[in-house]
Protein backbone atom coordinates (compact mmCIF):
# COMPACT_ATOMS: atom_id res chain seq x y z
CA MET A 1 -0.58 -4.87 -20.53
CA LYS A 2 0.49 -1.31 -21.33
CA ILE A 3 -1.21 1.89 -20.42
CA MET A 4 -2.10 3.29 -23.81
CA ASN A 5 -2.17 1.74 -27.24
CA ALA A 6 -1.28 -1.76 -26.08
CA ILE A 7 -4.69 -2.11 -24.44
CA ASN A 8 -8.06 -2.64 -25.99
CA ILE A 9 -11.40 -3.56 -24.58
CA ARG A 10 -11.39 -7.17 -25.72
CA TYR A 11 -7.95 -7.77 -24.18
CA ILE A 12 -8.95 -6.37 -20.81
CA LYS A 13 -12.15 -8.36 -20.54
CA GLY A 14 -10.41 -11.50 -21.67
CA ALA A 15 -7.68 -10.90 -19.10
CA LEU A 16 -10.28 -10.55 -16.39
CA LEU A 17 -11.69 -13.94 -17.22
CA LEU A 18 -8.27 -15.56 -17.38
CA VAL A 19 -7.35 -14.20 -13.97
CA CYS A 20 -10.61 -15.43 -12.52
CA LEU A 21 -9.98 -18.87 -13.98
CA CYS A 22 -6.48 -19.05 -12.49
CA VAL A 23 -7.53 -19.84 -8.92
CA LEU A 24 -4.31 -20.49 -7.08
CA HIS A 25 -3.64 -23.79 -5.32
CA SER A 26 -3.50 -22.54 -1.77
CA ALA A 27 -4.08 -23.58 1.79
CA CYS A 28 -5.72 -20.20 2.22
CA THR A 29 -8.83 -20.18 0.04
CA LYS A 30 -11.43 -17.90 1.63
CA LEU A 31 -10.55 -15.08 -0.72
CA VAL A 32 -11.23 -17.11 -3.84
CA GLU A 33 -13.95 -19.46 -2.66
CA ALA A 34 -16.57 -17.84 -4.90
CA ASP A 35 -16.96 -19.72 -8.16
CA ALA A 36 -15.08 -18.35 -11.16
CA PRO A 37 -16.51 -18.27 -14.69
CA VAL A 38 -15.68 -21.46 -16.54
CA THR A 39 -17.87 -21.59 -19.66
CA SER A 40 -17.96 -18.12 -21.18
CA ILE A 41 -15.42 -15.81 -22.74
CA ASN A 42 -17.91 -12.96 -22.98
CA GLY A 43 -16.92 -10.20 -20.59
CA GLU A 44 -20.48 -8.96 -20.11
CA ASN A 45 -21.60 -12.36 -18.84
CA VAL A 46 -19.21 -12.10 -15.92
CA TYR A 47 -21.26 -9.31 -14.39
CA ASN A 48 -24.63 -10.99 -14.70
CA ASP A 49 -23.97 -13.63 -12.08
CA ASN A 50 -23.26 -12.91 -8.42
CA ALA A 51 -20.54 -15.54 -8.05
CA THR A 52 -18.59 -14.70 -11.19
CA ALA A 53 -18.85 -10.95 -10.58
CA ALA A 54 -17.43 -11.47 -7.07
CA ALA A 55 -14.68 -13.62 -8.61
CA VAL A 56 -13.49 -10.67 -10.71
CA LEU A 57 -12.79 -8.55 -7.61
CA ASN A 58 -11.45 -11.59 -5.76
CA SER A 59 -8.96 -12.05 -8.60
CA ILE A 60 -7.60 -8.53 -8.05
CA TYR A 61 -6.93 -9.21 -4.37
CA THR A 62 -5.42 -12.58 -5.27
CA ALA A 63 -3.12 -10.96 -7.82
CA MET A 64 -2.08 -8.29 -5.31
CA SER A 65 -1.26 -11.00 -2.76
CA GLN A 66 0.36 -13.49 -5.09
CA LYS A 67 2.96 -11.21 -6.64
CA GLY A 68 6.19 -11.06 -4.68
CA ILE A 69 7.53 -8.14 -2.70
CA THR A 70 10.83 -8.26 -4.58
CA ALA A 71 9.49 -7.93 -8.13
CA ASP A 72 6.38 -7.22 -10.23
CA GLY A 73 4.00 -6.91 -7.28
CA ILE A 74 2.33 -3.95 -5.64
CA THR A 75 3.49 -5.11 -2.19
CA ALA A 76 6.99 -4.12 -3.39
CA LEU A 77 5.90 -0.66 -2.25
CA SER A 78 7.13 -1.77 1.16
CA LEU A 79 10.61 -2.46 -0.22
CA PHE A 80 11.79 -0.19 -3.01
CA PRO A 81 10.60 3.20 -1.69
CA ALA A 82 12.19 2.21 1.63
CA LEU A 83 15.45 1.70 -0.26
CA SER A 84 14.99 5.11 -1.89
CA ALA A 85 14.50 6.76 1.50
CA ASP A 86 16.49 6.42 4.73
CA GLU A 87 15.12 3.15 6.11
CA LEU A 88 17.09 0.29 4.59
CA SER A 89 20.71 -0.56 3.90
CA LEU A 90 21.78 -2.68 0.94
CA TYR A 91 24.21 -5.57 1.39
CA GLY A 92 27.60 -4.40 0.17
CA ALA A 93 28.17 -7.41 -2.07
CA SER A 94 24.84 -7.02 -3.84
CA THR A 95 25.20 -6.77 -7.59
CA ASP A 96 21.51 -6.42 -8.43
CA PRO A 97 21.31 -3.26 -10.59
CA VAL A 98 17.68 -2.59 -9.72
CA TYR A 99 18.28 -2.67 -5.97
CA ILE A 100 21.36 -0.47 -6.41
CA ALA A 101 19.46 2.05 -8.54
CA TYR A 102 16.66 2.48 -6.00
CA TYR A 103 19.13 2.57 -3.12
CA ARG A 104 21.40 5.21 -4.65
CA ASN A 105 18.52 7.28 -6.03
CA ALA A 106 19.93 6.62 -9.47
CA LEU A 107 16.95 5.31 -11.41
CA THR A 108 16.71 5.77 -15.15
CA ASN A 109 13.82 5.10 -17.49
CA ILE A 110 15.33 1.74 -18.44
CA ASN A 111 16.85 0.23 -15.28
CA THR A 112 13.80 -0.50 -13.12
CA GLY A 113 13.11 -3.88 -14.71
CA ASN A 114 9.97 -5.63 -13.51
CA THR A 115 9.88 -3.51 -10.34
CA ASP A 116 8.50 -0.48 -12.18
CA PHE A 117 5.35 0.55 -10.36
CA TRP A 118 3.94 2.23 -13.46
CA LYS A 119 3.84 -1.15 -15.17
CA ILE A 120 2.67 -2.89 -12.00
CA ILE A 121 -0.20 -0.56 -11.12
CA TYR A 122 -1.69 0.56 -14.42
CA PRO A 123 -2.86 -2.95 -15.39
CA LEU A 124 -4.69 -3.04 -12.04
CA VAL A 125 -6.23 0.35 -12.84
CA PHE A 126 -7.55 -0.96 -16.12
CA THR A 127 -8.96 -4.06 -14.45
CA THR A 128 -10.85 -1.88 -11.99
CA ASN A 129 -12.04 0.36 -14.84
CA ALA A 130 -13.43 -2.71 -16.57
CA ALA A 131 -15.11 -3.73 -13.32
CA VAL A 132 -16.67 -0.29 -12.83
CA GLU A 133 -18.05 -0.38 -16.36
CA GLY A 134 -19.24 -3.96 -16.20
CA LEU A 135 -20.92 -3.57 -12.84
CA SER A 136 -22.59 -0.33 -13.89
CA ALA A 137 -24.20 -2.06 -16.86
CA ALA A 138 -25.01 -5.32 -15.06
CA THR A 139 -28.66 -6.32 -14.80
CA GLY A 140 -28.39 -9.84 -13.41
CA LEU A 141 -26.84 -9.12 -10.00
CA THR A 142 -28.63 -8.75 -6.71
CA GLN A 143 -28.54 -5.13 -5.59
CA ALA A 144 -26.46 -5.83 -2.48
CA VAL A 145 -23.75 -7.63 -4.47
CA LYS A 146 -23.70 -5.00 -7.19
CA GLN A 147 -23.40 -2.24 -4.62
CA GLN A 148 -20.58 -3.88 -2.66
CA LEU A 149 -18.54 -4.81 -5.71
CA SER A 150 -18.99 -1.36 -7.26
CA GLY A 151 -17.72 0.18 -4.04
CA GLU A 152 -14.72 -2.14 -3.97
CA ALA A 153 -13.82 -1.31 -7.57
CA ARG A 154 -13.92 2.44 -6.90
CA PHE A 155 -11.94 2.05 -3.69
CA LEU A 156 -9.27 0.04 -5.48
CA ARG A 157 -9.02 2.54 -8.31
CA ALA A 158 -8.51 5.34 -5.79
CA PHE A 159 -5.88 3.28 -3.96
CA PHE A 160 -3.95 2.60 -7.15
CA TYR A 161 -4.06 6.20 -8.34
CA PHE A 162 -2.93 7.44 -4.92
CA TYR A 163 0.34 5.56 -5.35
CA LEU A 164 0.81 6.40 -9.00
CA LEU A 165 0.37 10.07 -8.19
CA ASN A 166 2.74 10.06 -5.24
CA LEU A 167 5.45 8.08 -7.02
CA TYR A 168 5.39 9.82 -10.40
CA GLY A 169 3.63 13.16 -9.98
CA ASP A 170 1.11 14.02 -12.70
CA VAL A 171 -0.13 10.80 -14.31
CA PRO A 172 -2.57 9.91 -17.10
CA LEU A 173 -6.06 9.64 -15.63
CA ALA A 174 -7.61 6.70 -17.42
CA LEU A 175 -11.17 6.08 -16.24
CA SER A 176 -12.46 3.74 -18.92
CA THR A 177 -11.44 0.86 -21.15
CA ASP A 178 -12.02 2.90 -24.31
CA TYR A 179 -8.92 2.44 -26.43
CA SER A 180 -9.62 5.47 -28.59
CA VAL A 181 -9.65 7.69 -25.51
CA ASN A 182 -6.79 6.07 -23.62
CA ALA A 183 -4.44 6.08 -26.60
CA LEU A 184 -4.38 9.87 -26.61
CA LEU A 185 -4.21 10.60 -22.89
CA SER A 186 -1.57 12.95 -21.57
CA ARG A 187 -0.48 13.46 -17.98
CA THR A 188 -3.26 14.89 -15.82
CA PRO A 189 -2.47 17.62 -13.28
CA LYS A 190 -2.08 16.38 -9.72
CA ASP A 191 -5.04 18.33 -8.34
CA LYS A 192 -7.41 16.81 -10.89
CA VAL A 193 -6.22 13.29 -10.13
CA TYR A 194 -6.78 13.93 -6.43
CA GLN A 195 -10.30 15.16 -7.22
CA GLN A 196 -11.02 11.84 -8.90
CA ILE A 197 -9.51 9.88 -6.02
CA ILE A 198 -11.71 11.74 -3.54
CA ALA A 199 -14.80 11.28 -5.72
CA ASP A 200 -14.14 7.53 -5.98
CA LEU A 201 -13.64 7.20 -2.23
CA LYS A 202 -16.79 9.14 -1.40
CA GLU A 203 -18.73 6.92 -3.79
CA ALA A 204 -17.11 3.86 -2.23
CA GLN A 205 -18.15 5.03 1.23
CA SER A 206 -21.77 5.20 0.10
CA LEU A 207 -21.68 1.75 -1.50
CA LEU A 208 -19.55 -0.46 0.73
CA ALA A 209 -20.85 -2.46 3.67
CA ASP A 210 -20.18 -1.24 7.20
CA THR A 211 -19.01 -4.72 8.16
CA TYR A 212 -16.62 -7.17 6.53
CA VAL A 213 -18.15 -9.61 4.06
CA MET A 214 -17.01 -12.96 2.77
CA ALA A 215 -15.76 -13.92 -0.69
CA ASP A 216 -19.30 -13.86 -2.08
CA ALA A 217 -19.38 -10.10 -1.34
CA ILE A 218 -22.62 -10.31 0.61
CA THR A 219 -22.43 -12.69 3.59
CA PRO A 220 -21.26 -10.98 6.80
CA TYR A 221 -18.77 -12.76 9.02
CA PRO A 222 -19.89 -13.85 12.46
CA PRO A 223 -18.87 -11.31 15.12
CA SER A 224 -15.16 -11.32 16.03
CA SER A 225 -14.25 -13.84 13.31
CA GLU A 226 -14.06 -11.60 10.28
CA GLU A 227 -11.40 -11.75 7.60
CA ARG A 228 -10.56 -8.14 6.78
CA VAL A 229 -9.54 -8.78 3.18
CA ARG A 230 -12.47 -7.19 1.36
CA PRO A 231 -12.52 -3.40 1.79
CA ASN A 232 -15.51 -2.02 3.65
CA LYS A 233 -16.81 1.50 4.26
CA TRP A 234 -14.15 2.11 6.89
CA ALA A 235 -11.31 1.20 4.55
CA ALA A 236 -12.57 3.85 2.14
CA THR A 237 -12.87 6.29 5.05
CA ALA A 238 -9.32 5.56 6.22
CA LEU A 239 -7.85 6.11 2.77
CA LEU A 240 -9.90 9.27 2.36
CA ALA A 241 -8.46 10.58 5.65
CA ARG A 242 -4.96 10.02 4.24
CA VAL A 243 -5.81 11.72 0.96
CA TYR A 244 -7.23 14.77 2.74
CA LEU A 245 -4.07 14.97 4.84
CA TYR A 246 -1.90 14.85 1.73
CA THR A 247 -3.96 17.56 0.04
CA GLY A 248 -3.90 19.86 3.08
CA ASP A 249 -7.61 19.57 3.89
CA TYR A 250 -7.01 19.15 7.59
CA VAL A 251 -10.60 19.63 8.69
CA ASN A 252 -11.79 16.72 6.59
CA ALA A 253 -8.71 14.63 7.39
CA GLU A 254 -9.59 14.91 11.07
CA LYS A 255 -13.25 14.19 10.39
CA GLN A 256 -12.59 11.02 8.40
CA ALA A 257 -9.94 9.70 10.79
CA THR A 258 -12.27 10.33 13.72
CA ALA A 259 -14.99 8.28 12.06
CA VAL A 260 -12.65 5.28 11.89
CA ILE A 261 -11.18 5.75 15.36
CA SER A 262 -14.63 6.07 16.89
CA ASN A 263 -15.74 2.72 15.50
CA THR A 264 -14.57 0.83 18.56
CA GLY A 265 -16.81 -2.10 17.76
CA LEU A 266 -14.42 -3.04 14.95
CA TYR A 267 -11.10 -1.32 15.64
CA ASP A 268 -8.62 -0.99 18.47
CA ILE A 269 -4.89 -0.48 19.00
CA MET A 270 -3.31 -3.88 19.60
CA PRO A 271 -0.23 -4.97 21.56
CA LEU A 272 2.87 -4.74 19.39
CA ASN A 273 3.21 -8.45 18.71
CA ASN A 274 -0.48 -8.83 17.82
CA THR A 275 -0.63 -5.93 15.40
CA PHE A 276 0.15 -7.85 12.20
CA LEU A 277 -1.75 -11.04 12.91
CA LYS A 278 -4.65 -11.95 10.67
CA GLU A 279 -7.16 -11.44 13.50
CA SER A 280 -5.73 -8.05 14.51
CA ARG A 281 -8.39 -5.53 15.47
CA GLU A 282 -5.98 -2.82 14.35
CA ALA A 283 -6.42 -4.01 10.77
CA ILE A 284 -8.64 -1.92 8.51
CA TRP A 285 -7.68 -3.73 5.31
CA GLN A 286 -5.32 -6.66 4.81
CA LEU A 287 -4.17 -8.86 1.95
CA GLN A 288 -4.58 -12.56 2.52
CA PRO A 289 -1.55 -14.70 1.64
CA VAL A 290 -2.42 -17.02 -1.23
CA ARG A 291 0.81 -18.97 -1.79
CA THR A 292 0.65 -22.54 -0.57
CA GLY A 293 2.06 -22.98 2.93
CA GLN A 294 3.38 -19.44 3.19
CA ASN A 295 2.60 -16.50 5.37
CA THR A 296 3.60 -13.02 4.14
CA GLN A 297 6.17 -12.25 1.48
CA ASP A 298 7.33 -9.38 3.72
CA ALA A 299 8.57 -11.84 6.32
CA ARG A 300 10.27 -13.99 3.69
CA LEU A 301 12.27 -11.02 2.40
CA PHE A 302 12.98 -8.98 5.52
CA MET A 303 13.79 -11.71 8.06
CA LEU A 304 17.50 -12.38 7.77
CA PRO A 305 18.87 -15.92 8.04
CA ASP A 306 21.37 -16.80 10.75
CA THR A 307 24.13 -16.29 8.19
CA GLY A 308 23.17 -12.66 7.71
CA PRO A 309 22.41 -10.70 4.54
CA ASN A 310 23.32 -12.16 1.17
CA GLY A 311 22.19 -12.09 -2.44
CA LEU A 312 18.79 -13.56 -1.60
CA PHE A 313 18.33 -11.42 1.53
CA PRO A 314 20.08 -8.20 0.51
CA VAL A 315 18.43 -5.59 2.73
CA TYR A 316 18.51 -4.76 6.41
CA LEU A 317 17.67 -1.74 8.55
CA GLY A 318 19.96 1.24 8.22
CA SER A 319 21.54 3.17 11.06
CA HIS A 320 19.51 6.28 10.22
CA LEU A 321 16.29 4.52 11.16
CA LEU A 322 17.77 2.59 14.08
CA ASN A 323 19.16 5.75 15.63
CA SER A 324 15.77 7.46 15.37
CA PHE A 325 14.23 5.34 18.13
CA GLU A 326 14.13 6.75 21.64
CA ALA A 327 15.56 4.80 24.54
CA GLY A 328 12.98 2.38 25.86
CA ASP A 329 10.98 2.20 22.64
CA GLN A 330 9.67 -1.34 22.62
CA ARG A 331 9.33 -1.36 18.86
CA ARG A 332 13.12 -1.15 18.67
CA PHE A 333 14.52 -2.47 21.93
CA GLY A 334 11.96 -5.02 23.02
CA GLY A 335 12.55 -7.46 20.16
CA ASN A 336 9.04 -6.78 18.98
CA TRP A 337 9.30 -5.09 15.58
CA ILE A 338 13.08 -5.28 15.07
CA ASP A 339 15.36 -8.29 15.45
CA SER A 340 19.00 -8.94 14.61
CA VAL A 341 21.65 -11.47 13.69
CA ASN A 342 25.31 -11.32 14.68
CA ILE A 343 27.95 -12.17 12.10
CA GLY A 344 31.37 -11.92 13.65
CA ALA A 345 31.70 -8.40 15.05
CA ALA A 346 28.83 -7.09 12.91
CA THR A 347 25.18 -6.92 13.95
CA TYR A 348 22.51 -6.71 11.27
CA TYR A 349 19.05 -5.53 12.25
CA TYR A 350 15.96 -6.36 10.25
CA PRO A 351 12.21 -5.62 10.29
CA TYR A 352 10.38 -8.09 12.51
CA LYS A 353 6.81 -6.88 12.24
CA TYR A 354 6.02 -10.12 10.40
CA LYS A 355 7.61 -13.07 12.17
CA LEU A 356 6.71 -16.14 10.10
CA SER A 357 8.96 -16.64 7.11
CA THR A 358 8.67 -20.41 6.82
CA THR A 359 7.43 -21.88 3.56
CA THR A 360 6.07 -25.01 5.22
CA ALA A 361 3.67 -23.55 7.77
CA ALA A 362 0.34 -25.36 7.70
CA THR A 363 -1.54 -22.44 9.22
CA ILE A 364 -1.58 -18.87 8.00
CA LEU A 365 -1.26 -16.59 11.02
CA GLU A 366 -0.15 -13.26 9.52
CA TYR A 367 -1.76 -11.18 6.79
CA VAL A 368 -0.17 -8.28 4.91
CA MET A 369 -1.37 -5.09 6.58
CA VAL A 370 -2.38 -2.39 4.11
CA LEU A 371 -4.39 0.05 6.24
CA ARG A 372 -4.31 0.08 10.04
CA LEU A 373 -5.67 2.12 12.91
CA ALA A 374 -2.35 3.53 14.15
CA GLU A 375 -2.00 5.53 10.95
CA GLN A 376 -5.43 7.05 11.57
CA TYR A 377 -4.32 8.32 14.98
CA LEU A 378 -1.23 9.85 13.40
CA ILE A 379 -3.29 11.38 10.59
CA ARG A 380 -5.64 12.94 13.10
CA ALA A 381 -2.77 14.12 15.28
CA GLU A 382 -1.18 15.89 12.32
CA ALA A 383 -4.48 17.35 11.12
CA ARG A 384 -5.22 18.65 14.62
CA ALA A 385 -1.76 20.14 15.01
CA GLN A 386 -2.15 21.93 11.67
CA GLN A 387 -5.35 23.45 13.08
CA ASN A 388 -3.54 24.46 16.29
CA ASN A 389 -5.41 21.92 18.40
CA ILE A 390 -2.25 21.18 20.35
CA GLN A 391 -3.88 19.24 23.17
CA GLY A 392 -5.92 17.01 20.85
CA ALA A 393 -2.91 16.32 18.65
CA GLY A 394 -0.80 15.39 21.66
CA THR A 395 -3.47 13.04 22.94
CA ASP A 396 -3.54 11.17 19.63
CA LEU A 397 0.23 11.04 19.44
CA ASP A 398 0.40 9.60 22.92
CA VAL A 399 -1.85 6.67 21.98
CA ILE A 400 0.92 5.45 19.68
CA ARG A 401 3.75 6.35 22.04
CA HIS A 402 2.17 4.58 25.01
CA ARG A 403 1.65 1.41 22.97
CA ALA A 404 5.42 1.48 22.30
CA GLY A 405 6.17 1.78 26.01
CA LEU A 406 7.12 5.47 25.83
CA PRO A 407 6.00 8.39 27.98
CA GLY A 408 3.66 10.98 26.56
CA TYR A 409 4.85 13.84 24.40
CA ASN A 410 6.72 16.38 26.53
CA GLY A 411 8.09 18.71 23.88
CA ALA A 412 7.20 22.32 23.30
CA PRO A 413 3.42 22.88 23.26
CA GLU A 414 3.42 24.60 19.90
CA LYS A 415 2.52 23.65 16.35
CA ASN A 416 5.88 23.20 14.64
CA ALA A 417 7.44 21.20 17.46
CA LEU A 418 4.43 18.92 17.60
CA LEU A 419 4.39 18.43 13.82
CA ALA A 420 8.05 17.41 13.97
CA ALA A 421 7.26 14.94 16.74
CA ILE A 422 4.38 13.45 14.73
CA LEU A 423 6.57 13.05 11.64
CA HIS A 424 9.18 11.33 13.80
CA GLU A 425 6.52 9.04 15.22
CA ARG A 426 5.40 8.13 11.70
CA GLN A 427 9.01 7.23 10.89
CA VAL A 428 9.40 4.78 13.78
CA GLU A 429 5.83 3.43 13.62
CA LEU A 430 5.29 2.92 9.88
CA PHE A 431 8.77 1.87 8.74
CA THR A 432 8.92 -0.55 5.80
CA GLU A 433 5.16 -0.29 5.29
CA TRP A 434 3.85 0.75 1.87
CA GLY A 435 6.36 3.53 1.21
CA HIS A 436 5.15 5.79 4.03
CA ARG A 437 8.55 7.25 4.84
CA TRP A 438 9.44 8.08 1.22
CA LEU A 439 6.08 9.75 0.67
CA ASP A 440 6.28 11.61 3.99
CA LEU A 441 9.66 13.09 3.10
CA LYS A 442 8.26 14.32 -0.20
CA ARG A 443 4.92 15.69 0.96
CA THR A 444 6.46 17.59 3.88
CA GLY A 445 9.13 19.20 1.70
CA MET A 446 11.95 17.50 3.61
CA VAL A 447 13.19 15.18 0.89
CA ASP A 448 15.95 17.44 -0.49
CA THR A 449 17.39 18.31 2.90
CA ARG A 450 17.31 14.73 4.11
CA MET A 451 18.51 13.00 0.96
CA HIS A 452 21.36 15.45 0.32
CA THR A 453 22.86 13.88 3.44
CA ILE A 454 21.67 10.30 3.03
CA THR A 455 22.24 9.58 -0.67
CA PRO A 456 26.03 10.20 -0.64
CA GLN A 457 26.29 7.81 2.29
CA LYS A 458 24.60 5.21 0.09
CA GLY A 459 27.10 5.74 -2.70
CA GLY A 460 25.01 8.07 -4.84
CA ALA A 461 24.59 11.77 -5.53
CA TRP A 462 21.22 13.32 -4.77
CA LYS A 463 19.31 15.29 -7.35
CA SER A 464 16.00 16.86 -6.43
CA THR A 465 14.43 15.36 -9.54
CA ALA A 466 15.01 11.87 -8.11
CA GLN A 467 12.03 12.31 -5.80
CA GLN A 468 9.79 11.40 -8.75
CA TYR A 469 10.37 8.00 -10.31
CA PRO A 470 10.93 7.93 -14.10
CA ILE A 471 8.28 6.88 -16.59
CA PRO A 472 9.49 3.71 -18.33
CA ALA A 473 10.97 4.24 -21.78
CA SER A 474 8.60 1.70 -23.28
CA GLU A 475 5.61 3.71 -22.07
CA LEU A 476 6.99 6.93 -23.53
CA GLN A 477 7.23 5.21 -26.89
CA ARG A 478 3.62 4.07 -26.71
CA GLY A 479 2.18 7.28 -25.30
CA PRO A 480 2.63 10.04 -27.89
CA ASN A 481 1.38 12.72 -25.51
CA PHE A 482 3.58 11.75 -22.56
CA ILE A 483 6.32 13.96 -21.17
CA GLN A 484 9.06 12.37 -19.06
CA ASN A 485 9.66 13.59 -15.52
CA ALA A 486 12.41 16.18 -15.20
CA GLY A 487 15.91 14.82 -14.72
CA TYR A 488 15.56 11.63 -16.75
C-alpha cells in the first residue's frame, strides 16, 4: 500500500475487510473478540453493524501489536530511533545494513528496507481515513458505538501523523481515501499538520468514553479490571498534552497533562517493576500482545541471552545512557529496568522494563506501553518550567525521581537549570520507548551538538540533515509533487 497513486478507494476498503477477517490465532483474544465481517466485500456494509465496525478498529490495534519490533511494525519506533540517538550500542559483528545505517546516522532513500516508517505508518493513516469516512456515513450503528469508534479513528490518525511529522518533517497530509486528491498531494508545512493533529485530538476528546471499553467498543470493564487497549478520552488528552509541548503551547500542555494527572480514579505512578504490567495503573494506552504464547516483542528483542549479543540479539545499552544515571537510581542500579550479562571480561547491559521474553508463556502478563502517566508529569514539569513556575515544575519532577529512589531536585532554582534536569530525567525515564530520546534531541535543538560527538563514536560522520529520515525512493517515484529531505 503506497501513499499516493498506488492506493484507491476499492483497495483500501477491501484491505480493511481482509484485515478484519484475519483474526490471529492467539491466547490473548479480548482485543479481537468482536465478530468480523464474513459474508460481504462491500466496504459500506462494515459500518452498518456494531460488531463489524468495531472489528475494523480492532484490526488496526491487532496489526500494530502483531508486527515485530525489528521490522515492518510501528513498535519498531522503540528500536531504530534509539539506534539513531545515544541510547543503544550495536553488536560489533553485526552485518545487518539496516541496523548499521540507523546506528551510524547513514540512512539513504534506499537502505531502510522494511523498517521504513513512511511505508509502515501511511497504510495505517489510510485505514483510519477510511474508518473516519465510513463511520461518518454510517446509519446502522448505535450512537454510542459510532461515537466511540469515530473518536478512536481520529485519535489514531493524530498519533500516526505525530510520528510521521517528527521523523520526516513536512509530510503529505492525506485526510481522505480519494485517489484523485491523494495522487497530487505535496508535503504539507509542519504547522498545518500540527493543526490537524490538534483538531483530531480535540474531536477525539469529545467523542471517546471516559472509561475503558471492551472489544465491542461500548461495554465498560468492571472497576479495577480494565484492559487499557482501546484509547479513551484520557489517551487523547495525554497525546494532546505532548503535542502542545512540542509546539511550544505550554499553557495548554500544562492544562491537558493536569487533566490526566488529576484523574486519580484511573491513574497512578506505580512501583518500578509494576509499571509495564498489563494491569498497571500507570498505563494510559497499551497494545495487547496477540502472538500465541508470547508477551511483548520488546522483551524478545532487548533481553539478551546468557551468551550475550549476537546476530539475533544485536543491540544493548550504550555507555552514554548508562553513564547518565545518578548513583542510587533504582532504574539503573536496582536491577529493575536494566539488567546485564557477563561474557568473559565484558558486561553487556540491556533494557529490562519488559521481563518476559519466553515464547511459551501460557499467561500474558506484560502489555506494550504506548502512553503512560510518568510522561505526563514530565510534560507538565517542562511546561511549568517554561512558564517560570519553578516550584511546580520541581514538584512534578520529584514525583519521577522519588519513584526511582532518588532525592528531590536540588539544582539551581532557575528556568534553564530546571529544564536541563527535566530533559535528563526524560532520558533516564523514557529510554527505549517510542523514540522519545531521538525526538527530544531534535525538538530541543540539541541534536547537532550531541550527535557531533556520538556519531563518530558509532563509526559514522554526523550531518545535520540526518535528523530527518529520508523519504523512500519508491515513494518519490510515485509522488510527482514530493521533494526529498535535504541531504539525501
